[in-house]
Amino acid sequence: MMSEAGLLERKKEGVRVFYRVEDRLVFDLCELVCGKLNRDHKVLSEIEYSI
């Protein structure tokens, strides 16, 4: 699905398949998601610590 959307390049060699990030947007999305998870974790940790 991601290769069909142009986000990844898929290259088949025999029985192996190699993927490569084709669109830099993938890295931006990963940074956004990781940043959100880190902020959520920090907030939850602060709440648990204050209880």
N, C-alpha and C. Protein backbone atom coordinates (compact mmCIF):
# COMPACT_ATOMS: atom_id res chain seq x y z
N MET A 1 0.82 -1.18 0.00
CA MET A 1 0.00 0.00 0.00
C MET A 1 0.88 1.26 0.00
N MET A 2 1.92 1.28 0.83
CA MET A 2 2.78 2.46 0.88
C MET A 2 3.59 2.62 -0.40
N SER A 3 3.96 1.50 -1.03
CA SER A 3 4.68 1.61 -2.29
C SER A 3 3.74 2.07 -3.40
N GLU A 4 2.50 1.61 -3.34
CA GLU A 4 1.51 2.05 -4.33
C GLU A 4 1.22 3.54 -4.21
N ALA A 5 1.35 4.08 -2.99
CA ALA A 5 1.11 5.50 -2.76
C ALA A 5 2.32 6.35 -3.10
N GLY A 6 3.45 5.71 -3.43
CA GLY A 6 4.66 6.44 -3.79
C GLY A 6 5.52 6.83 -2.61
N LEU A 7 5.21 6.29 -1.43
CA LEU A 7 6.01 6.60 -0.24
C LEU A 7 7.24 5.73 -0.14
N LEU A 8 7.14 4.50 -0.62
CA LEU A 8 8.25 3.56 -0.60
C LEU A 8 8.52 3.04 -2.00
N GLU A 9 9.80 2.73 -2.24
CA GLU A 9 10.16 2.06 -3.48
C GLU A 9 10.36 0.59 -3.15
N ARG A 10 9.82 -0.28 -3.96
CA ARG A 10 9.91 -1.72 -3.74
C ARG A 10 10.73 -2.34 -4.86
N LYS A 11 11.74 -3.13 -4.47
CA LYS A 11 12.61 -3.77 -5.46
C LYS A 11 12.74 -5.24 -5.13
N LYS A 12 12.33 -6.10 -6.05
CA LYS A 12 12.38 -7.53 -5.82
C LYS A 12 13.62 -8.11 -6.50
N GLU A 13 14.37 -8.91 -5.71
CA GLU A 13 15.54 -9.62 -6.24
C GLU A 13 15.41 -11.07 -5.81
N GLY A 14 15.00 -11.92 -6.73
CA GLY A 14 14.78 -13.33 -6.40
C GLY A 14 13.65 -13.47 -5.41
N VAL A 15 13.92 -14.10 -4.28
CA VAL A 15 12.89 -14.28 -3.26
C VAL A 15 12.88 -13.13 -2.24
N ARG A 16 13.82 -12.20 -2.39
CA ARG A 16 13.92 -11.07 -1.46
C ARG A 16 13.22 -9.84 -2.03
N VAL A 17 12.71 -9.03 -1.11
CA VAL A 17 12.12 -7.75 -1.49
C VAL A 17 12.77 -6.67 -0.64
N PHE A 18 13.26 -5.63 -1.29
CA PHE A 18 13.90 -4.51 -0.60
C PHE A 18 13.01 -3.28 -0.72
N TYR A 19 12.90 -2.57 0.39
CA TYR A 19 12.11 -1.34 0.39
C TYR A 19 13.03 -0.17 0.72
N ARG A 20 12.74 0.96 0.10
CA ARG A 20 13.49 2.19 0.34
C ARG A 20 12.50 3.33 0.42
N VAL A 21 12.74 4.23 1.36
CA VAL A 21 11.86 5.40 1.49
C VAL A 21 12.03 6.25 0.23
N GLU A 22 10.95 6.48 -0.44
CA GLU A 22 10.96 7.24 -1.69
C GLU A 22 10.58 8.70 -1.45
N ASP A 23 9.75 8.95 -0.47
CA ASP A 23 9.25 10.30 -0.21
C ASP A 23 9.67 10.74 1.19
N ARG A 24 10.37 11.86 1.29
CA ARG A 24 10.86 12.37 2.57
C ARG A 24 9.74 12.64 3.56
N LEU A 25 8.52 12.75 3.08
CA LEU A 25 7.36 12.98 3.93
C LEU A 25 7.22 11.88 4.99
N VAL A 26 7.68 10.69 4.67
CA VAL A 26 7.63 9.57 5.62
C VAL A 26 8.40 9.93 6.90
N PHE A 27 9.55 10.54 6.77
CA PHE A 27 10.35 10.93 7.92
C PHE A 27 9.66 12.03 8.73
N ASP A 28 9.05 12.97 8.02
CA ASP A 28 8.31 14.04 8.71
C ASP A 28 7.15 13.46 9.52
N LEU A 29 6.45 12.50 8.93
CA LEU A 29 5.34 11.86 9.63
C LEU A 29 5.82 11.10 10.86
N CYS A 30 6.95 10.41 10.72
CA CYS A 30 7.51 9.68 11.86
C CYS A 30 7.88 10.63 12.98
N GLU A 31 8.48 11.76 12.65
CA GLU A 31 8.85 12.75 13.67
C GLU A 31 7.62 13.30 14.37
N LEU A 32 6.55 13.57 13.63
CA LEU A 32 5.31 14.06 14.23
C LEU A 32 4.72 13.04 15.20
N VAL A 33 4.65 11.79 14.76
CA VAL A 33 4.07 10.74 15.60
C VAL A 33 4.92 10.51 16.84
N CYS A 34 6.23 10.42 16.66
CA CYS A 34 7.12 10.20 17.81
C CYS A 34 7.06 11.37 18.78
N GLY A 35 7.00 12.58 18.26
CA GLY A 35 6.89 13.76 19.12
C GLY A 35 5.62 13.73 19.95
N LYS A 36 4.52 13.37 19.32
CA LYS A 36 3.23 13.27 20.02
C LYS A 36 3.29 12.21 21.11
N LEU A 37 3.84 11.05 20.79
CA LEU A 37 3.94 9.98 21.78
C LEU A 37 4.83 10.40 22.95
N ASN A 38 5.93 11.09 22.66
CA ASN A 38 6.82 11.55 23.73
C ASN A 38 6.13 12.57 24.63
N ARG A 39 5.38 13.50 24.03
CA ARG A 39 4.66 14.49 24.84
C ARG A 39 3.60 13.82 25.71
N ASP A 40 2.86 12.88 25.13
CA ASP A 40 1.84 12.16 25.88
C ASP A 40 2.46 11.39 27.04
N HIS A 41 3.58 10.74 26.78
CA HIS A 41 4.26 9.96 27.82
C HIS A 41 4.72 10.87 28.96
N LYS A 42 5.27 12.03 28.59
CA LYS A 42 5.73 12.97 29.60
C LYS A 42 4.57 13.45 30.47
N VAL A 43 3.45 13.78 29.87
CA VAL A 43 2.28 14.24 30.62
C VAL A 43 1.78 13.14 31.55
N LEU A 44 1.68 11.91 31.04
CA LEU A 44 1.21 10.81 31.87
C LEU A 44 2.18 10.52 33.02
N SER A 45 3.47 10.62 32.75
CA SER A 45 4.46 10.41 33.80
C SER A 45 4.34 11.46 34.89
N GLU A 46 4.11 12.70 34.51
CA GLU A 46 3.95 13.78 35.48
C GLU A 46 2.69 13.59 36.31
N ILE A 47 1.63 13.11 35.69
CA ILE A 47 0.38 12.86 36.41
C ILE A 47 0.58 11.72 37.41
N GLU A 48 1.20 10.63 36.98
CA GLU A 48 1.42 9.49 37.87
C GLU A 48 2.36 9.86 39.01
N TYR A 49 3.33 10.72 38.76
CA TYR A 49 4.30 11.12 39.78
C TYR A 49 3.62 11.98 40.85
N SER A 50 2.64 12.79 40.43
CA SER A 50 1.99 13.70 41.38
C SER A 50 0.92 13.01 42.22
N ILE A 51 0.56 11.78 41.86
CA ILE A 51 -0.49 11.07 42.60
C ILE A 51 0.07 10.42 43.85
